[in-house]
C-alpha atoms as a PDB file:
ATOM      1  CA  MET A   1       0.049   0.060   0.029  1.00  0.00           C
ATOM      2  CA  ASN A   2       1.384   3.387  -1.030  1.00  0.00           C
ATOM      3  CA  PRO A   3       2.315   5.869   1.728  1.00  0.00           C
ATOM      4  CA  PRO A   4       0.781   9.379   1.478  1.00  0.00           C
ATOM      5  CA  VAL A   5       2.969  11.909  -0.283  1.00  0.00           C
ATOM      6  CA  ALA A   6       3.862  15.322   1.245  1.00  0.00           C
ATOM      7  CA  LEU A   7       5.739  18.142  -0.417  1.00  0.00           C
ATOM      8  CA  THR A   8       8.043  20.603   1.286  1.00  0.00           C
ATOM      9  CA  ILE A   9       8.715  23.918  -0.444  1.00  0.00           C
ATOM     10  CA  ALA A  10      11.582  25.449   1.395  1.00  0.00           C
ATOM     11  CA  GLY A  11      15.181  26.408   1.693  1.00  0.00           C
ATOM     12  CA  THR A  12      18.117  24.127   2.628  1.00  0.00           C
ATOM     13  CA  ASP A  13      20.079  24.204   5.930  1.00  0.00           C
ATOM     14  CA  SER A  14      23.639  22.992   5.553  1.00  0.00           C
ATOM     15  CA  GLY A  15      23.747  22.198   9.304  1.00  0.00           C
ATOM     16  CA  GLY A  16      20.929  19.686   8.820  1.00  0.00           C
ATOM     17  CA  ALA A  17      18.674  21.090  11.575  1.00  0.00           C
ATOM     18  CA  ALA A  18      15.997  23.067   9.850  1.00  0.00           C
ATOM     19  CA  GLY A  19      14.540  23.682   6.288  1.00  0.00           C
ATOM     20  CA  THR A  20      14.155  20.745   3.956  1.00  0.00           C
ATOM     21  CA  ALA A  21      16.489  18.592   6.081  1.00  0.00           C
ATOM     22  CA  ALA A  22      14.085  18.838   8.976  1.00  0.00           C
ATOM     23  CA  ASP A  23      10.982  18.451   6.772  1.00  0.00           C
ATOM     24  CA  LEU A  24      12.087  15.312   4.913  1.00  0.00           C
ATOM     25  CA  ALA A  25      13.357  13.629   8.116  1.00  0.00           C
ATOM     26  CA  THR A  26       9.975  14.339   9.745  1.00  0.00           C
ATOM     27  CA  PHE A  27       8.018  13.113   6.811  1.00  0.00           C
ATOM     28  CA  ALA A  28       9.947   9.815   6.834  1.00  0.00           C
ATOM     29  CA  ALA A  29       9.680   9.294  10.666  1.00  0.00           C
ATOM     30  CA  LEU A  30       5.881   9.795  10.384  1.00  0.00           C
ATOM     31  CA  GLY A  31       5.375   7.369   7.522  1.00  0.00           C
ATOM     32  CA  VAL A  32       5.000   9.847   4.697  1.00  0.00           C
ATOM     33  CA  HIS A  33       7.015   9.895   1.368  1.00  0.00           C
ATOM     34  CA  GLY A  34       8.564  13.306   1.109  1.00  0.00           C
ATOM     35  CA  ALA A  35       9.164  15.339  -2.001  1.00  0.00           C
ATOM     36  CA  CYS A  36      10.947  18.651  -2.051  1.00  0.00           C
ATOM     37  CA  VAL A  37      11.059  21.988  -3.927  1.00  0.00           C
ATOM     38  CA  ILE A  38      14.184  24.018  -3.088  1.00  0.00           C
ATOM     39  CA  THR A  39      13.688  27.800  -2.968  1.00  0.00           C
ATOM     40  CA  ALA A  40      17.059  28.818  -1.644  1.00  0.00           C
ATOM     41  CA  VAL A  41      20.424  27.342  -0.682  1.00  0.00           C
ATOM     42  CA  THR A  42      21.687  28.706   2.726  1.00  0.00           C
ATOM     43  CA  ALA A  43      25.049  28.547   4.368  1.00  0.00           C
ATOM     44  CA  GLN A  44      23.711  27.939   7.904  1.00  0.00           C
ATOM     45  CA  ASP A  45      24.795  26.436  11.111  1.00  0.00           C
ATOM     46  CA  THR A  46      23.738  26.602  14.786  1.00  0.00           C
ATOM     47  CA  THR A  47      25.111  30.160  15.063  1.00  0.00           C
ATOM     48  CA  GLY A  48      23.182  31.623  12.226  1.00  0.00           C
ATOM     49  CA  VAL A  49      22.762  32.163   8.476  1.00  0.00           C
ATOM     50  CA  SER A  50      25.904  33.479   6.681  1.00  0.00           C
ATOM     51  CA  ASP A  51      24.758  33.312   2.998  1.00  0.00           C
ATOM     52  CA  ILE A  52      21.615  32.857   1.034  1.00  0.00           C
ATOM     53  CA  HIS A  53      21.418  31.901  -2.669  1.00  0.00           C
ATOM     54  CA  ALA A  54      17.893  32.251  -4.006  1.00  0.00           C
ATOM     55  CA  ILE A  55      16.876  29.631  -6.709  1.00  0.00           C
ATOM     56  CA  PRO A  56      15.646  31.338  -9.906  1.00  0.00           C
ATOM     57  CA  LEU A  57      11.874  31.531 -10.026  1.00  0.00           C
ATOM     58  CA  ALA A  58      11.674  29.499 -13.173  1.00  0.00           C
ATOM     59  CA  THR A  59      13.509  26.730 -11.556  1.00  0.00           C
ATOM     60  CA  VAL A  60      11.244  26.767  -8.503  1.00  0.00           C
ATOM     61  CA  GLU A  61       8.256  26.502 -10.939  1.00  0.00           C
ATOM     62  CA  ALA A  62       9.863  23.669 -12.862  1.00  0.00           C
ATOM     63  CA  GLN A  63      10.381  21.747  -9.653  1.00  0.00           C
ATOM     64  CA  LEU A  64       6.772  22.265  -8.624  1.00  0.00           C
ATOM     65  CA  HIS A  65       5.480  21.014 -11.959  1.00  0.00           C
ATOM     66  CA  ALA A  66       7.868  18.049 -11.851  1.00  0.00           C
ATOM     67  CA  VAL A  67       6.309  16.905  -8.498  1.00  0.00           C
ATOM     68  CA  PHE A  68       2.658  17.821  -9.164  1.00  0.00           C
ATOM     69  CA  ASP A  69       2.648  16.223 -12.563  1.00  0.00           C
ATOM     70  CA  ASP A  70       4.086  12.867 -11.232  1.00  0.00           C
ATOM     71  CA  LEU A  71       3.153  12.269  -7.688  1.00  0.00           C
ATOM     72  CA  PRO A  72      -0.230  12.222  -5.797  1.00  0.00           C
ATOM     73  CA  VAL A  73       0.628  14.954  -3.317  1.00  0.00           C
ATOM     74  CA  ALA A  74      -1.630  14.742  -0.298  1.00  0.00           C
ATOM     75  CA  ALA A  75      -0.294  17.801   1.558  1.00  0.00           C
ATOM     76  CA  VAL A  76       2.040  20.741   0.872  1.00  0.00           C
ATOM     77  CA  LYS A  77       4.205  22.413   3.475  1.00  0.00           C
ATOM     78  CA  THR A  78       5.982  25.710   2.851  1.00  0.00           C
ATOM     79  CA  GLY A  79       9.028  27.042   4.758  1.00  0.00           C
ATOM     80  CA  MET A  80      11.415  29.701   3.658  1.00  0.00           C
ATOM     81  CA  LEU A  81      10.176  31.154   0.320  1.00  0.00           C
ATOM     82  CA  GLY A  82      12.465  34.221   0.287  1.00  0.00           C
ATOM     83  CA  SER A  83      10.853  36.531  -2.300  1.00  0.00           C
ATOM     84  CA  ALA A  84       7.401  37.956  -2.992  1.00  0.00           C
ATOM     85  CA  GLU A  85       7.515  36.449  -6.464  1.00  0.00           C
ATOM     86  CA  THR A  86       8.001  32.997  -5.058  1.00  0.00           C
ATOM     87  CA  VAL A  87       5.286  33.460  -2.539  1.00  0.00           C
ATOM     88  CA  GLU A  88       2.863  34.508  -5.304  1.00  0.00           C
ATOM     89  CA  LEU A  89       3.941  31.554  -7.496  1.00  0.00           C
ATOM     90  CA  VAL A  90       3.354  28.987  -4.660  1.00  0.00           C
ATOM     91  CA  ALA A  91       0.039  30.551  -3.925  1.00  0.00           C
ATOM     92  CA  ARG A  92      -1.016  30.273  -7.529  1.00  0.00           C
ATOM     93  CA  LEU A  93       0.177  26.670  -8.077  1.00  0.00           C
ATOM     94  CA  CYS A  94      -0.900  25.242  -4.608  1.00  0.00           C
ATOM     95  CA  ALA A  95      -4.313  26.834  -4.333  1.00  0.00           C
ATOM     96  CA  GLY A  96      -6.932  24.181  -3.755  1.00  0.00           C
ATOM     97  CA  ARG A  97      -4.501  21.810  -2.108  1.00  0.00           C
ATOM     98  CA  LEU A  98      -4.142  20.867   1.602  1.00  0.00           C
ATOM     99  CA  LEU A  99      -1.580  23.540   2.392  1.00  0.00           C
ATOM    100  CA  VAL A 100       0.435  24.128   5.609  1.00  0.00           C
ATOM    101  CA  VAL A 101       2.228  27.516   5.658  1.00  0.00           C
ATOM    102  CA  ASP A 102       5.080  28.083   7.980  1.00  0.00           C
ATOM    103  CA  PRO A 103       5.657  31.833   7.500  1.00  0.00           C
ATOM    104  CA  VAL A 104       9.440  31.941   7.736  1.00  0.00           C
ATOM    105  CA  LEU A 105      10.521  35.643   7.788  1.00  0.00           C
ATOM    106  CA  VAL A 106      13.122  35.798  10.485  1.00  0.00           C
ATOM    107  CA  ALA A 107      15.649  33.114  11.594  1.00  0.00           C
ATOM    108  CA  THR A 108      16.001  32.406  15.250  1.00  0.00           C
ATOM    109  CA  SER A 109      19.472  33.900  14.858  1.00  0.00           C
ATOM    110  CA  GLY A 110      17.883  37.139  13.694  1.00  0.00           C
ATOM    111  CA  ALA A 111      18.762  36.797  10.090  1.00  0.00           C
ATOM    112  CA  VAL A 112      16.085  38.368   7.846  1.00  0.00           C
ATOM    113  CA  LEU A 113      14.646  35.874   5.480  1.00  0.00           C
ATOM    114  CA  GLY A 114      11.917  37.975   3.935  1.00  0.00           C
ATOM    115  CA  GLY A 115      11.309  41.741   3.900  1.00  0.00           C
ATOM    116  CA  GLU A 116       8.189  43.829   3.739  1.00  0.00           C
ATOM    117  CA  ASP A 117       7.325  42.811   0.239  1.00  0.00           C
ATOM    118  CA  VAL A 118       7.395  39.154   1.240  1.00  0.00           C
ATOM    119  CA  ARG A 119       5.179  39.900   4.341  1.00  0.00           C
ATOM    120  CA  ARG A 120       2.620  41.556   2.135  1.00  0.00           C
ATOM    121  CA  ALA A 121       2.656  38.702  -0.365  1.00  0.00           C
ATOM    122  CA  TYR A 122       1.989  36.270   2.408  1.00  0.00           C
ATOM    123  CA  LEU A 123      -0.998  38.360   3.587  1.00  0.00           C
ATOM    124  CA  ASP A 124      -2.391  39.063   0.118  1.00  0.00           C
ATOM    125  CA  HIS A 125      -1.750  35.834  -1.687  1.00  0.00           C
ATOM    126  CA  LEU A 126      -0.630  32.811   0.282  1.00  0.00           C
ATOM    127  CA  LEU A 127      -2.547  32.967   3.581  1.00  0.00           C
ATOM    128  CA  PRO A 128      -5.922  33.243   1.856  1.00  0.00           C
ATOM    129  CA  VAL A 129      -5.361  29.997  -0.059  1.00  0.00           C
ATOM    130  CA  ALA A 130      -3.746  28.163   2.943  1.00  0.00           C
ATOM    131  CA  THR A 131      -5.422  25.409   4.947  1.00  0.00           C
ATOM    132  CA  VAL A 132      -3.495  26.353   8.077  1.00  0.00           C
ATOM    133  CA  VAL A 133      -0.658  28.712   8.969  1.00  0.00           C
ATOM    134  CA  THR A 134       1.766  28.021  11.819  1.00  0.00           C
ATOM    135  CA  PRO A 135       3.551  31.120  12.967  1.00  0.00           C
ATOM    136  CA  ASN A 136       5.310  31.385  16.291  1.00  0.00           C
ATOM    137  CA  LEU A 137       4.548  34.490  18.250  1.00  0.00           C
ATOM    138  CA  ALA A 138       7.295  36.634  16.633  1.00  0.00           C
ATOM    139  CA  GLU A 139       6.208  35.594  13.228  1.00  0.00           C
ATOM    140  CA  ALA A 140       2.515  36.289  14.069  1.00  0.00           C
ATOM    141  CA  ARG A 141       3.487  39.768  15.249  1.00  0.00           C
ATOM    142  CA  ALA A 142       5.609  40.248  12.100  1.00  0.00           C
ATOM    143  CA  LEU A 143       2.644  39.232   9.875  1.00  0.00           C
ATOM    144  CA  THR A 144       0.012  41.436  11.653  1.00  0.00           C
ATOM    145  CA  GLY A 145       2.365  44.311  12.498  1.00  0.00           C
ATOM    146  CA  ARG A 146       1.239  44.541  16.198  1.00  0.00           C
ATOM    147  CA  ASP A 147       2.145  43.166  19.601  1.00  0.00           C
ATOM    148  CA  GLY A 148      -0.999  41.223  20.480  1.00  0.00           C
ATOM    149  CA  SER A 149      -1.376  38.105  22.591  1.00  0.00           C
ATOM    150  CA  PRO A 150      -1.068  34.737  20.912  1.00  0.00           C
ATOM    151  CA  ARG A 151      -4.763  34.272  21.148  1.00  0.00           C
ATOM    152  CA  GLU A 152      -5.601  37.643  19.681  1.00  0.00           C
ATOM    153  CA  LEU A 153      -3.112  37.244  16.845  1.00  0.00           C
ATOM    154  CA  ALA A 154      -4.428  33.712  15.867  1.00  0.00           C
ATOM    155  CA  GLU A 155      -7.979  35.091  15.800  1.00  0.00           C
ATOM    156  CA  GLU A 156      -6.884  38.109  13.605  1.00  0.00           C
ATOM    157  CA  LEU A 157      -4.906  35.951  11.157  1.00  0.00           C
ATOM    158  CA  ALA A 158      -7.804  33.438  10.918  1.00  0.00           C
ATOM    159  CA  GLY A 159      -9.828  36.399   9.495  1.00  0.00           C
ATOM    160  CA  LEU A 160      -7.714  35.954   6.273  1.00  0.00           C
ATOM    161  CA  LYS A 161      -9.484  32.607   5.676  1.00  0.00           C
ATOM    162  CA  PRO A 162      -6.971  30.007   6.922  1.00  0.00           C
ATOM    163  CA  ALA A 163      -6.849  28.155  10.215  1.00  0.00           C
ATOM    164  CA  VAL A 164      -4.107  29.447  12.379  1.00  0.00           C
ATOM    165  CA  ILE A 165      -1.946  27.740  15.039  1.00  0.00           C
ATOM    166  CA  VAL A 166       0.211  30.326  16.862  1.00  0.00           C
ATOM    167  CA  THR A 167       2.856  28.066  18.437  1.00  0.00           C
ATOM    168  CA  GLY A 168       4.881  28.327  21.608  1.00  0.00           C
ATOM    169  CA  GLY A 169       3.944  30.698  24.397  1.00  0.00           C
ATOM    170  CA  ASP A 170       5.953  31.388  27.638  1.00  0.00           C
ATOM    171  CA  PRO A 171       6.437  28.092  29.589  1.00  0.00           C
ATOM    172  CA  ALA A 172       8.437  29.643  32.461  1.00  0.00           C
ATOM    173  CA  ALA A 173       5.508  29.924  34.926  1.00  0.00           C
ATOM    174  CA  THR A 174       3.633  26.638  34.182  1.00  0.00           C
ATOM    175  CA  GLY A 175       6.001  24.234  32.663  1.00  0.00           C
ATOM    176  CA  GLU A 176       3.698  24.087  29.695  1.00  0.00           C
ATOM    177  CA  CYS A 177       3.646  25.426  26.176  1.00  0.00           C
ATOM    178  CA  THR A 178       0.322  26.668  24.863  1.00  0.00           C
ATOM    179  CA  ASP A 179      -0.415  26.765  21.185  1.00  0.00           C
ATOM    180  CA  TRP A 180      -3.615  28.677  20.156  1.00  0.00           C
ATOM    181  CA  LEU A 181      -5.690  27.188  17.402  1.00  0.00           C
ATOM    182  CA  ALA A 182      -8.116  29.560  15.613  1.00  0.00           C
ATOM    183  CA  GLU A 183     -10.359  28.423  12.739  1.00  0.00           C
ATOM    184  CA  PRO A 184     -12.393  31.013  10.750  1.00  0.00           C
ATOM    185  CA  GLY A 185     -15.584  31.925  12.464  1.00  0.00           C
ATOM    186  CA  ARG A 186     -14.714  29.985  15.741  1.00  0.00           C
ATOM    187  CA  ALA A 187     -13.241  31.130  18.989  1.00  0.00           C
ATOM    188  CA  PRO A 188      -9.615  30.307  19.459  1.00  0.00           C
ATOM    189  CA  ILE A 189      -8.757  27.274  21.649  1.00  0.00           C
ATOM    190  CA  PRO A 190      -5.654  26.570  23.684  1.00  0.00           C
ATOM    191  CA  LEU A 191      -3.625  23.361  22.919  1.00  0.00           C
ATOM    192  CA  ARG A 192      -1.309  22.665  25.772  1.00  0.00           C
ATOM    193  CA  HIS A 193       1.698  20.326  25.826  1.00  0.00           C
ATOM    194  CA  PRO A 194       4.782  19.923  28.042  1.00  0.00           C
ATOM    195  CA  ALA A 195       7.655  22.323  27.770  1.00  0.00           C
ATOM    196  CA  ILE A 196      11.067  20.780  27.343  1.00  0.00           C
ATOM    197  CA  PRO A 197      13.846  22.946  28.886  1.00  0.00           C
ATOM    198  CA  THR A 198      16.646  22.901  26.260  1.00  0.00           C
ATOM    199  CA  THR A 199      18.694  25.046  23.999  1.00  0.00           C
ATOM    200  CA  ASN A 200      18.859  22.267  21.334  1.00  0.00           C
ATOM    201  CA  ASP A 201      15.771  23.578  19.500  1.00  0.00           C
ATOM    202  CA  HIS A 202      17.129  24.677  16.048  1.00  0.00           C
ATOM    203  CA  GLY A 203      14.557  23.480  13.560  1.00  0.00           C
ATOM    204  CA  THR A 204      11.652  23.168  15.997  1.00  0.00           C
ATOM    205  CA  GLY A 205       9.284  25.292  13.897  1.00  0.00           C
ATOM    206  CA  CYS A 206      10.040  23.359  10.645  1.00  0.00           C
ATOM    207  CA  THR A 207       9.659  20.100  12.440  1.00  0.00           C
ATOM    208  CA  TYR A 208       6.293  21.031  13.906  1.00  0.00           C
ATOM    209  CA  SER A 209       4.845  22.323  10.599  1.00  0.00           C
ATOM    210  CA  SER A 210       6.101  19.247   8.664  1.00  0.00           C
ATOM    211  CA  ALA A 211       4.730  16.898  11.414  1.00  0.00           C
ATOM    212  CA  LEU A 212       1.398  18.650  11.090  1.00  0.00           C
ATOM    213  CA  ALA A 213       1.448  18.244   7.348  1.00  0.00           C
ATOM    214  CA  ALA A 214       2.302  14.637   7.706  1.00  0.00           C
ATOM    215  CA  HIS A 215      -0.580  13.895  10.103  1.00  0.00           C
ATOM    216  CA  LEU A 216      -2.942  15.783   7.794  1.00  0.00           C
ATOM    217  CA  ALA A 217      -1.778  13.778   4.834  1.00  0.00           C
ATOM    218  CA  HIS A 218      -2.639  10.661   6.856  1.00  0.00           C
ATOM    219  CA  GLY A 219      -6.122  12.105   7.091  1.00  0.00           C
ATOM    220  CA  ALA A 220      -6.170  13.330  10.760  1.00  0.00           C
ATOM    221  CA  PRO A 221      -8.612  16.173  11.533  1.00  0.00           C
ATOM    222  CA  LEU A 222      -6.804  19.517  12.183  1.00  0.00           C
ATOM    223  CA  ARG A 223      -6.992  19.571  15.983  1.00  0.00           C
ATOM    224  CA  GLU A 224      -5.859  15.977  16.260  1.00  0.00           C
ATOM    225  CA  ALA A 225      -3.053  16.582  13.699  1.00  0.00           C
ATOM    226  CA  ALA A 226      -1.977  19.655  15.705  1.00  0.00           C
ATOM    227  CA  GLU A 227      -1.935  17.726  18.959  1.00  0.00           C
ATOM    228  CA  GLN A 228       0.013  14.829  17.365  1.00  0.00           C
ATOM    229  CA  ALA A 229       2.521  17.268  15.828  1.00  0.00           C
ATOM    230  CA  ALA A 230       3.152  18.950  19.195  1.00  0.00           C
ATOM    231  CA  ALA A 231       3.600  15.599  20.856  1.00  0.00           C
ATOM    232  CA  TYR A 232       6.144  14.568  18.225  1.00  0.00           C
ATOM    233  CA  VAL A 233       8.221  17.792  18.658  1.00  0.00           C
ATOM    234  CA  THR A 234       8.096  17.321  22.445  1.00  0.00           C
ATOM    235  CA  ARG A 235       9.528  13.817  22.016  1.00  0.00           C
ATOM    236  CA  GLN A 236      12.225  14.989  19.650  1.00  0.00           C
ATOM    237  CA  LEU A 237      13.243  17.787  22.021  1.00  0.00           C
ATOM    238  CA  ALA A 238      13.384  15.321  24.969  1.00  0.00           C
ATOM    239  CA  ILE A 239      15.749  13.188  22.830  1.00  0.00           C
ATOM    240  CA  SER A 240      18.096  16.048  21.903  1.00  0.00           C
ATOM    241  CA  LYS A 241      18.169  18.188  25.026  1.00  0.00           C
ATOM    242  CA  THR A 242      21.426  16.637  26.312  1.00  0.00           C
ATOM    243  CA  TRP A 243      23.247  16.804  22.949  1.00  0.00           C
ATOM    244  CA  THR A 244      26.329  18.935  22.527  1.00  0.00           C
ATOM    245  CA  LEU A 245      26.249  19.355  18.714  1.00  0.00           C
ATOM    246  CA  GLY A 246      27.174  22.765  17.318  1.00  0.00           C
ATOM    247  CA  ARG A 247      28.462  25.932  18.928  1.00  0.00           C
ATOM    248  CA  SER A 248      25.179  27.551  19.605  1.00  0.00           C
ATOM    249  CA  ARG A 249      21.481  26.426  19.699  1.00  0.00           C
ATOM    250  CA  GLY A 250      21.756  22.755  18.680  1.00  0.00           C
ATOM    251  CA  PRO A 251      19.442  20.804  16.485  1.00  0.00           C
ATOM    252  CA  ILE A 252      16.226  19.235  17.456  1.00  0.00           C
ATOM    253  CA  ALA A 253      16.592  15.453  17.102  1.00  0.00           C
ATOM    254  CA  HIS A 254      15.691  13.825  13.891  1.00  0.00           C
ATOM    255  CA  THR A 255      17.275  10.449  14.552  1.00  0.00           C
ATOM    256  CA  SER A 256      14.693   8.394  16.581  1.00  0.00           C
ATOM    257  CA  GLY A 257      11.491   8.508  18.497  1.00  0.00           C
ATOM    258  CA  GLY A 258       9.368   8.972  15.348  1.00  0.00           C
ATOM    259  CA  THR A 259       6.559   6.556  15.924  1.00  0.00           C
ATOM    260  CA  ARG A 260       3.176   8.029  15.107  1.00  0.00           C
END
């Protein structure tokens, strides 16, 4: 029996923690065949991004057609898109598909991966055709341009038509992380899961959104897929929390613990 197919449209991470490396490893761990479209090649490690080479738009489009013309893609997940033109292309070619958008605008290290034109393209083109968008709090604030609470920002972004999961939250007081799930026309609901104290969290956002796409590709309803994705990320952080890989924020584990 064939596995479901999920496609990641994202940049590379030469350190192997984030981007397409994280996405394809997560797809494989969760029983999904992964395809990939590369939007940018980055020189990146645990300390930051030192160089970005954008892939020509025509080549991105050719990759998309190569996948869609040949494979039965059940879910698409986007990461770093890099330019407004690429955002618009992805919106046009992925409209009508199950589409998980991880709006990568700023790296954890602070490197800017998309300017104001990219932000506007997300709001005007990609979010309205997305199934679900998965910003962390900083990304939600960047998209909306204001400093609201996770609940408020999730509800505001859901007004653009997609479901929204604002991930993370401040676990210091409770030992829990709270993600806020907002679906259009419904009140946001909190999804709580254990917080793992660790600095080995490079690639966490990519891993969460690709796990969400994998569970949706298997046919899980959105809330169940979100809870399963959070549980997967929690397990992987627990595995990597004692690692000493890299000179800064180390990678989230992609080596084991991937049972669905």
